[in-house]
Amino acid sequence: MMRQLLLQLAPPPAPTLDNFVPGRNGAALQALRDIARGAGAERFVYLWGEPGSGRSHLLRGLAQAADAGKGLYLCGTPGGSVAADNRIAVDDGIAVDDVIGVDNVQDLPAGAQIELFDLYNRVRAAGGALVASGNAAPAQLALREDLRSRLAWGLAFELHPLSDAEKAAALREHARRRALALPEDVVAYLLRHTRRDMTSLIAVLDALDRYSLEQKRPVTLPLVRDALESMKDKPHAAS
């Protein structure tokens, strides 16, 4: 039973700006840090990139980092409206001087597009900040023309997924913080044989650390193979 518990993956940590691994996205991260602490002149930012590039992580992290609890995360849902983690909708009285993040704008239906267009105008008049994200640059989104123009108001950043070298560096740094010796062949094996997003890689590495302590063995390739084989049938294992 103890072995099974140690091999289960812990729930991933809540996304924050501090635990975002920037890679080539340092400028976008800095822009959101400035907005969260009320610094800098830019109040409108648009982030775009492919799945796994970190769009949702950054917007959730921005809402968490905003001063005095004034951050709000909204998400476009396919076939639906803008939702805010079951808290509030765009037309339910958002405090427009808050820091607002709107994720997945490409999924907004017509009515929600009108709401978001109006929200941009109200946020601008109230002196708030709004960061939106989508899967393409504003001009390439299948949205209303007036909304596309609002999305292009401020800074726009294309987010780039981490390269294998950047993921490897992030794994080494995480292992260093845990005082865990991590051989290079283990890093390469994890990148080849587990899910490749950083949340899953970090969760697997943490599970391996617990397993190595329970086994009183260092994290070597034989131990990793043994552990990952044992994890395959566990309900929280990486796939």
C-alpha atoms as a PDB file:
ATOM      1  CA  MET A   1       0.000   0.000   0.000  1.00  0.00           C
ATOM      2  CA  MET A   2       2.795   2.455   0.881  1.00  0.00           C
ATOM      3  CA  ARG A   3       4.521   1.742  -2.431  1.00  0.00           C
ATOM      4  CA  GLN A   4       1.283   2.409  -4.307  1.00  0.00           C
ATOM      5  CA  LEU A   5       0.724   5.700  -2.484  1.00  0.00           C
ATOM      6  CA  LEU A   6       4.257   6.870  -3.168  1.00  0.00           C
ATOM      7  CA  LEU A   7       3.893   6.181  -6.875  1.00  0.00           C
ATOM      8  CA  GLN A   8       0.658   8.085  -7.290  1.00  0.00           C
ATOM      9  CA  LEU A   9       1.092  11.512  -8.822  1.00  0.00           C
ATOM     10  CA  ALA A  10       0.277  14.378  -6.516  1.00  0.00           C
ATOM     11  CA  PRO A  11      -2.201  16.990  -7.784  1.00  0.00           C
ATOM     12  CA  PRO A  12      -0.345  19.591  -9.829  1.00  0.00           C
ATOM     13  CA  PRO A  13       0.398  22.874  -8.052  1.00  0.00           C
ATOM     14  CA  ALA A  14      -1.857  25.804  -8.806  1.00  0.00           C
ATOM     15  CA  PRO A  15      -0.513  27.821 -11.757  1.00  0.00           C
ATOM     16  CA  THR A  16       1.240  31.019 -10.710  1.00  0.00           C
ATOM     17  CA  LEU A  17       3.509  33.496 -12.421  1.00  0.00           C
ATOM     18  CA  ASP A  18       6.330  32.265 -10.190  1.00  0.00           C
ATOM     19  CA  ASN A  19       6.087  28.605 -11.235  1.00  0.00           C
ATOM     20  CA  PHE A  20       5.753  29.360 -14.958  1.00  0.00           C
ATOM     21  CA  VAL A  21       8.881  28.214 -16.810  1.00  0.00           C
ATOM     22  CA  PRO A  22       9.366  31.045 -19.331  1.00  0.00           C
ATOM     23  CA  GLY A  23      11.800  29.649 -21.868  1.00  0.00           C
ATOM     24  CA  ARG A  24      11.549  32.104 -24.769  1.00  0.00           C
ATOM     25  CA  ASN A  25       8.491  33.761 -23.211  1.00  0.00           C
ATOM     26  CA  GLY A  26      10.279  35.987 -20.733  1.00  0.00           C
ATOM     27  CA  ALA A  27       8.948  39.241 -22.206  1.00  0.00           C
ATOM     28  CA  ALA A  28       5.330  38.051 -21.943  1.00  0.00           C
ATOM     29  CA  LEU A  29       5.871  36.932 -18.350  1.00  0.00           C
ATOM     30  CA  GLN A  30       7.389  40.284 -17.428  1.00  0.00           C
ATOM     31  CA  ALA A  31       4.481  42.178 -19.016  1.00  0.00           C
ATOM     32  CA  LEU A  32       2.014  40.230 -16.880  1.00  0.00           C
ATOM     33  CA  ARG A  33       4.106  40.729 -13.739  1.00  0.00           C
ATOM     34  CA  ASP A  34       4.005  44.480 -14.396  1.00  0.00           C
ATOM     35  CA  ILE A  35       0.229  44.434 -14.838  1.00  0.00           C
ATOM     36  CA  ALA A  36      -0.275  42.373 -11.662  1.00  0.00           C
ATOM     37  CA  ARG A  37       1.612  44.893  -9.539  1.00  0.00           C
ATOM     38  CA  GLY A  38       0.218  47.955 -11.295  1.00  0.00           C
ATOM     39  CA  ALA A  39       3.517  48.930 -12.876  1.00  0.00           C
ATOM     40  CA  GLY A  40       4.147  50.105 -16.419  1.00  0.00           C
ATOM     41  CA  ALA A  41       1.858  51.906 -18.805  1.00  0.00           C
ATOM     42  CA  GLU A  42       0.483  48.957 -20.807  1.00  0.00           C
ATOM     43  CA  ARG A  43      -2.913  47.704 -19.604  1.00  0.00           C
ATOM     44  CA  PHE A  44      -3.933  45.488 -22.531  1.00  0.00           C
ATOM     45  CA  VAL A  45      -2.048  42.350 -23.593  1.00  0.00           C
ATOM     46  CA  TYR A  46      -2.928  39.541 -25.985  1.00  0.00           C
ATOM     47  CA  LEU A  47      -1.226  36.124 -25.789  1.00  0.00           C
ATOM     48  CA  TRP A  48      -1.437  33.533 -28.515  1.00  0.00           C
ATOM     49  CA  GLY A  49       0.098  30.159 -29.184  1.00  0.00           C
ATOM     50  CA  GLU A  50      -0.520  26.470 -29.684  1.00  0.00           C
ATOM     51  CA  PRO A  51      -1.892  24.197 -26.939  1.00  0.00           C
ATOM     52  CA  GLY A  52       0.748  23.611 -24.277  1.00  0.00           C
ATOM     53  CA  SER A  53       2.437  26.972 -24.795  1.00  0.00           C
ATOM     54  CA  GLY A  54       1.297  28.252 -21.392  1.00  0.00           C
ATOM     55  CA  ARG A  55      -1.600  30.587 -22.200  1.00  0.00           C
ATOM     56  CA  SER A  56      -3.949  29.331 -19.481  1.00  0.00           C
ATOM     57  CA  HIS A  57      -1.150  29.019 -16.927  1.00  0.00           C
ATOM     58  CA  LEU A  58      -0.198  32.657 -17.400  1.00  0.00           C
ATOM     59  CA  LEU A  59      -3.764  33.976 -17.216  1.00  0.00           C
ATOM     60  CA  ARG A  60      -4.571  31.968 -14.079  1.00  0.00           C
ATOM     61  CA  GLY A  61      -1.264  33.072 -12.599  1.00  0.00           C
ATOM     62  CA  LEU A  62      -2.073  36.695 -13.399  1.00  0.00           C
ATOM     63  CA  ALA A  63      -5.429  36.476 -11.610  1.00  0.00           C
ATOM     64  CA  GLN A  64      -3.682  34.960  -8.588  1.00  0.00           C
ATOM     65  CA  ALA A  65      -0.927  37.587  -8.547  1.00  0.00           C
ATOM     66  CA  ALA A  66      -3.101  40.696  -8.877  1.00  0.00           C
ATOM     67  CA  ASP A  67      -2.968  42.968  -5.839  1.00  0.00           C
ATOM     68  CA  ALA A  68      -5.677  42.837  -3.163  1.00  0.00           C
ATOM     69  CA  GLY A  69      -7.599  39.979  -4.766  1.00  0.00           C
ATOM     70  CA  LYS A  70      -8.536  42.105  -7.770  1.00  0.00           C
ATOM     71  CA  GLY A  71      -7.693  39.467 -10.360  1.00  0.00           C
ATOM     72  CA  LEU A  72     -10.365  37.589 -12.319  1.00  0.00           C
ATOM     73  CA  TYR A  73      -9.943  34.635 -14.694  1.00  0.00           C
ATOM     74  CA  LEU A  74     -12.574  34.120 -17.411  1.00  0.00           C
ATOM     75  CA  CYS A  75     -12.581  31.348 -19.977  1.00  0.00           C
ATOM     76  CA  GLY A  76     -14.324  31.022 -23.305  1.00  0.00           C
ATOM     77  CA  THR A  77     -15.991  27.636 -23.658  1.00  0.00           C
ATOM     78  CA  PRO A  78     -16.911  25.981 -26.973  1.00  0.00           C
ATOM     79  CA  GLY A  79     -20.590  26.558 -27.708  1.00  0.00           C
ATOM     80  CA  GLY A  80     -21.061  28.527 -24.489  1.00  0.00           C
ATOM     81  CA  SER A  81     -20.397  31.934 -23.042  1.00  0.00           C
ATOM     82  CA  VAL A  82     -17.579  33.358 -20.989  1.00  0.00           C
ATOM     83  CA  ALA A  83     -17.313  31.562 -17.662  1.00  0.00           C
ATOM     84  CA  ALA A  84     -15.222  32.482 -14.638  1.00  0.00           C
ATOM     85  CA  ASP A  85     -14.655  29.237 -12.766  1.00  0.00           C
ATOM     86  CA  ASN A  86     -18.398  29.237 -11.933  1.00  0.00           C
ATOM     87  CA  ARG A  87     -18.131  32.620 -10.236  1.00  0.00           C
ATOM     88  CA  ILE A  88     -19.255  35.351 -12.619  1.00  0.00           C
ATOM     89  CA  ALA A  89     -20.059  36.020 -16.281  1.00  0.00           C
ATOM     90  CA  VAL A  90     -19.119  39.004 -18.391  1.00  0.00           C
ATOM     91  CA  ASP A  91     -22.550  40.595 -18.068  1.00  0.00           C
ATOM     92  CA  ASP A  92     -22.891  40.058 -14.294  1.00  0.00           C
ATOM     93  CA  GLY A  93     -21.207  43.228 -13.069  1.00  0.00           C
ATOM     94  CA  ILE A  94     -17.449  42.706 -13.322  1.00  0.00           C
ATOM     95  CA  ALA A  95     -15.448  45.366 -11.509  1.00  0.00           C
ATOM     96  CA  VAL A  96     -13.845  46.868 -14.591  1.00  0.00           C
ATOM     97  CA  ASP A  97     -10.959  48.405 -12.638  1.00  0.00           C
ATOM     98  CA  ASP A  98      -9.783  44.877 -11.817  1.00  0.00           C
ATOM     99  CA  VAL A  99      -7.127  42.845 -13.625  1.00  0.00           C
ATOM    100  CA  ILE A 100      -9.139  40.588 -15.943  1.00  0.00           C
ATOM    101  CA  GLY A 101      -7.869  37.609 -17.918  1.00  0.00           C
ATOM    102  CA  VAL A 102     -10.004  36.133 -20.715  1.00  0.00           C
ATOM    103  CA  ASP A 103      -8.788  32.776 -22.014  1.00  0.00           C
ATOM    104  CA  ASN A 104      -9.573  30.936 -25.265  1.00  0.00           C
ATOM    105  CA  VAL A 105     -11.300  33.812 -27.034  1.00  0.00           C
ATOM    106  CA  GLN A 106     -11.413  31.751 -30.241  1.00  0.00           C
ATOM    107  CA  ASP A 107     -14.229  29.706 -28.660  1.00  0.00           C
ATOM    108  CA  LEU A 108     -16.539  32.639 -27.897  1.00  0.00           C
ATOM    109  CA  PRO A 109     -19.965  32.529 -29.593  1.00  0.00           C
ATOM    110  CA  ALA A 110     -21.467  35.659 -31.117  1.00  0.00           C
ATOM    111  CA  GLY A 111     -23.196  36.929 -27.999  1.00  0.00           C
ATOM    112  CA  ALA A 112     -20.112  36.571 -25.826  1.00  0.00           C
ATOM    113  CA  GLN A 113     -18.022  38.349 -28.458  1.00  0.00           C
ATOM    114  CA  ILE A 114     -20.285  41.379 -28.121  1.00  0.00           C
ATOM    115  CA  GLU A 115     -19.932  41.175 -24.326  1.00  0.00           C
ATOM    116  CA  LEU A 116     -16.150  41.031 -24.555  1.00  0.00           C
ATOM    117  CA  PHE A 117     -16.056  43.979 -26.971  1.00  0.00           C
ATOM    118  CA  ASP A 118     -18.112  45.985 -24.481  1.00  0.00           C
ATOM    119  CA  LEU A 119     -15.901  44.800 -21.614  1.00  0.00           C
ATOM    120  CA  TYR A 120     -12.787  46.111 -23.378  1.00  0.00           C
ATOM    121  CA  ASN A 121     -14.373  49.539 -23.678  1.00  0.00           C
ATOM    122  CA  ARG A 122     -15.507  49.596 -20.047  1.00  0.00           C
ATOM    123  CA  VAL A 123     -12.117  48.429 -18.749  1.00  0.00           C
ATOM    124  CA  ARG A 124     -10.367  51.117 -20.767  1.00  0.00           C
ATOM    125  CA  ALA A 125     -12.655  53.838 -19.401  1.00  0.00           C
ATOM    126  CA  ALA A 126     -12.275  52.603 -15.803  1.00  0.00           C
ATOM    127  CA  GLY A 127      -8.494  52.292 -15.873  1.00  0.00           C
ATOM    128  CA  GLY A 128      -8.432  48.529 -15.406  1.00  0.00           C
ATOM    129  CA  ALA A 129      -6.325  45.939 -17.217  1.00  0.00           C
ATOM    130  CA  LEU A 130      -7.339  43.107 -19.530  1.00  0.00           C
ATOM    131  CA  VAL A 131      -5.231  40.243 -20.838  1.00  0.00           C
ATOM    132  CA  ALA A 132      -6.764  37.901 -23.410  1.00  0.00           C
ATOM    133  CA  SER A 133      -5.500  34.759 -25.079  1.00  0.00           C
ATOM    134  CA  GLY A 134      -6.307  32.711 -28.138  1.00  0.00           C
ATOM    135  CA  ASN A 135      -4.899  30.089 -30.455  1.00  0.00           C
ATOM    136  CA  ALA A 136      -3.923  32.536 -33.209  1.00  0.00           C
ATOM    137  CA  ALA A 137      -2.891  36.129 -33.767  1.00  0.00           C
ATOM    138  CA  PRO A 138      -5.823  38.608 -33.579  1.00  0.00           C
ATOM    139  CA  ALA A 139      -6.068  39.103 -37.337  1.00  0.00           C
ATOM    140  CA  GLN A 140      -6.356  35.329 -37.879  1.00  0.00           C
ATOM    141  CA  LEU A 141      -9.201  34.716 -35.403  1.00  0.00           C
ATOM    142  CA  ALA A 142     -12.701  33.961 -36.713  1.00  0.00           C
ATOM    143  CA  LEU A 143     -14.217  36.693 -34.545  1.00  0.00           C
ATOM    144  CA  ARG A 144     -16.039  39.990 -35.073  1.00  0.00           C
ATOM    145  CA  GLU A 145     -13.842  42.592 -36.764  1.00  0.00           C
ATOM    146  CA  ASP A 146     -14.402  45.134 -33.982  1.00  0.00           C
ATOM    147  CA  LEU A 147     -13.369  42.571 -31.337  1.00  0.00           C
ATOM    148  CA  ARG A 148     -10.249  41.640 -33.308  1.00  0.00           C
ATOM    149  CA  SER A 149      -9.299  45.317 -33.290  1.00  0.00           C
ATOM    150  CA  ARG A 150      -9.704  45.439 -29.502  1.00  0.00           C
ATOM    151  CA  LEU A 151      -7.538  42.332 -29.072  1.00  0.00           C
ATOM    152  CA  ALA A 152      -4.782  44.151 -30.976  1.00  0.00           C
ATOM    153  CA  TRP A 153      -5.007  47.312 -28.836  1.00  0.00           C
ATOM    154  CA  GLY A 154      -1.930  46.685 -26.700  1.00  0.00           C
ATOM    155  CA  LEU A 155       1.029  44.326 -26.614  1.00  0.00           C
ATOM    156  CA  ALA A 156       0.767  40.969 -28.367  1.00  0.00           C
ATOM    157  CA  PHE A 157       3.030  38.012 -27.648  1.00  0.00           C
ATOM    158  CA  GLU A 158       3.276  34.697 -29.430  1.00  0.00           C
ATOM    159  CA  LEU A 159       4.002  32.062 -26.777  1.00  0.00           C
ATOM    160  CA  HIS A 160       6.498  29.357 -27.692  1.00  0.00           C
ATOM    161  CA  PRO A 161       6.372  25.862 -26.170  1.00  0.00           C
ATOM    162  CA  LEU A 162       9.493  24.844 -24.311  1.00  0.00           C
ATOM    163  CA  SER A 163      12.132  23.025 -26.334  1.00  0.00           C
ATOM    164  CA  ASP A 164      13.472  19.701 -25.066  1.00  0.00           C
ATOM    165  CA  ALA A 165      16.611  21.489 -23.902  1.00  0.00           C
ATOM    166  CA  GLU A 166      14.516  23.991 -21.914  1.00  0.00           C
ATOM    167  CA  LYS A 167      12.422  21.209 -20.397  1.00  0.00           C
ATOM    168  CA  ALA A 168      15.581  19.348 -19.422  1.00  0.00           C
ATOM    169  CA  ALA A 169      16.994  22.477 -17.797  1.00  0.00           C
ATOM    170  CA  ALA A 170      13.746  22.999 -15.873  1.00  0.00           C
ATOM    171  CA  LEU A 171      13.815  19.392 -14.630  1.00  0.00           C
ATOM    172  CA  ARG A 172      17.419  19.773 -13.491  1.00  0.00           C
ATOM    173  CA  GLU A 173      16.570  22.977 -11.631  1.00  0.00           C
ATOM    174  CA  HIS A 174      13.556  21.394  -9.947  1.00  0.00           C
ATOM    175  CA  ALA A 175      15.697  18.410  -8.917  1.00  0.00           C
ATOM    176  CA  ARG A 176      18.376  20.752  -7.570  1.00  0.00           C
ATOM    177  CA  ARG A 177      15.832  22.508  -5.377  1.00  0.00           C
ATOM    178  CA  ARG A 178      14.816  19.140  -3.939  1.00  0.00           C
ATOM    179  CA  ALA A 179      18.479  18.167  -3.415  1.00  0.00           C
ATOM    180  CA  LEU A 180      17.908  15.322  -5.865  1.00  0.00           C
ATOM    181  CA  ALA A 181      20.726  13.992  -8.027  1.00  0.00           C
ATOM    182  CA  LEU A 182      19.311  13.612 -11.537  1.00  0.00           C
ATOM    183  CA  PRO A 183      21.498  11.840 -14.117  1.00  0.00           C
ATOM    184  CA  GLU A 184      21.328  12.956 -17.721  1.00  0.00           C
ATOM    185  CA  ASP A 185      20.109   9.568 -18.938  1.00  0.00           C
ATOM    186  CA  VAL A 186      17.141   9.857 -16.565  1.00  0.00           C
ATOM    187  CA  VAL A 187      16.260  13.290 -17.936  1.00  0.00           C
ATOM    188  CA  ALA A 188      16.376  11.960 -21.500  1.00  0.00           C
ATOM    189  CA  TYR A 189      14.267   8.929 -20.555  1.00  0.00           C
ATOM    190  CA  LEU A 190      11.565  11.058 -18.942  1.00  0.00           C
ATOM    191  CA  LEU A 191      11.345  13.260 -22.029  1.00  0.00           C
ATOM    192  CA  ARG A 192      10.908  10.189 -24.238  1.00  0.00           C
ATOM    193  CA  HIS A 193       8.591   8.041 -22.132  1.00  0.00           C
ATOM    194  CA  THR A 194       6.271  10.342 -20.160  1.00  0.00           C
ATOM    195  CA  ARG A 195       3.867  13.132 -21.041  1.00  0.00           C
ATOM    196  CA  ARG A 196       5.892  16.070 -22.267  1.00  0.00           C
ATOM    197  CA  ASP A 197       4.112  19.016 -20.638  1.00  0.00           C
ATOM    198  CA  MET A 198       5.989  20.515 -17.700  1.00  0.00           C
ATOM    199  CA  THR A 199       3.179  19.924 -15.199  1.00  0.00           C
ATOM    200  CA  SER A 200       3.277  16.168 -15.875  1.00  0.00           C
ATOM    201  CA  LEU A 201       7.081  16.017 -15.983  1.00  0.00           C
ATOM    202  CA  ILE A 202       7.404  17.764 -12.614  1.00  0.00           C
ATOM    203  CA  ALA A 203       4.723  15.524 -11.092  1.00  0.00           C
ATOM    204  CA  VAL A 204       6.551  12.393 -12.296  1.00  0.00           C
ATOM    205  CA  LEU A 205       9.866  13.704 -10.984  1.00  0.00           C
ATOM    206  CA  ASP A 206       8.325  14.372  -7.554  1.00  0.00           C
ATOM    207  CA  ALA A 207       6.854  10.854  -7.504  1.00  0.00           C
ATOM    208  CA  LEU A 208      10.246   9.407  -8.421  1.00  0.00           C
ATOM    209  CA  ASP A 209      11.852  11.347  -5.587  1.00  0.00           C
ATOM    210  CA  ARG A 210       9.369   9.879  -3.092  1.00  0.00           C
ATOM    211  CA  TYR A 211       9.851   6.398  -4.557  1.00  0.00           C
ATOM    212  CA  SER A 212      13.645   6.607  -4.344  1.00  0.00           C
ATOM    213  CA  LEU A 213      13.426   7.622  -0.679  1.00  0.00           C
ATOM    214  CA  GLU A 214      11.068   4.727   0.088  1.00  0.00           C
ATOM    215  CA  GLN A 215      13.350   2.291  -1.749  1.00  0.00           C
ATOM    216  CA  LYS A 216      16.510   3.849  -0.291  1.00  0.00           C
ATOM    217  CA  ARG A 217      17.962   3.845  -3.803  1.00  0.00           C
ATOM    218  CA  PRO A 218      19.236   6.774  -5.881  1.00  0.00           C
ATOM    219  CA  VAL A 219      17.288   7.925  -8.923  1.00  0.00           C
ATOM    220  CA  THR A 220      18.939   5.894 -11.667  1.00  0.00           C
ATOM    221  CA  LEU A 221      17.604   4.612 -14.977  1.00  0.00           C
ATOM    222  CA  PRO A 222      16.788   1.107 -13.594  1.00  0.00           C
ATOM    223  CA  LEU A 223      14.833   2.661 -10.717  1.00  0.00           C
ATOM    224  CA  VAL A 224      12.972   4.977 -13.097  1.00  0.00           C
ATOM    225  CA  ARG A 225      11.989   2.103 -15.383  1.00  0.00           C
ATOM    226  CA  ASP A 226      10.780   0.091 -12.397  1.00  0.00           C
ATOM    227  CA  ALA A 227       8.811   3.027 -11.008  1.00  0.00           C
ATOM    228  CA  LEU A 228       7.172   4.028 -14.287  1.00  0.00           C
ATOM    229  CA  GLU A 229       6.183   0.420 -14.958  1.00  0.00           C
ATOM    230  CA  SER A 230       4.533   0.299 -11.533  1.00  0.00           C
ATOM    231  CA  MET A 231       2.768   3.597 -12.187  1.00  0.00           C
ATOM    232  CA  LYS A 232       1.105   2.472 -15.418  1.00  0.00           C
ATOM    233  CA  ASP A 233      -1.827   0.829 -13.672  1.00  0.00           C
ATOM    234  CA  LYS A 234      -2.302   3.500 -11.008  1.00  0.00           C
ATOM    235  CA  PRO A 235      -5.300   5.853 -11.385  1.00  0.00           C
ATOM    236  CA  HIS A 236      -3.183   9.010 -11.238  1.00  0.00           C
ATOM    237  CA  ALA A 237      -0.237   7.832 -13.345  1.00  0.00           C
ATOM    238  CA  ALA A 238       0.982   9.774 -16.314  1.00  0.00           C
ATOM    239  CA  SER A 239      -0.009   8.422 -19.688  1.00  0.00           C
END
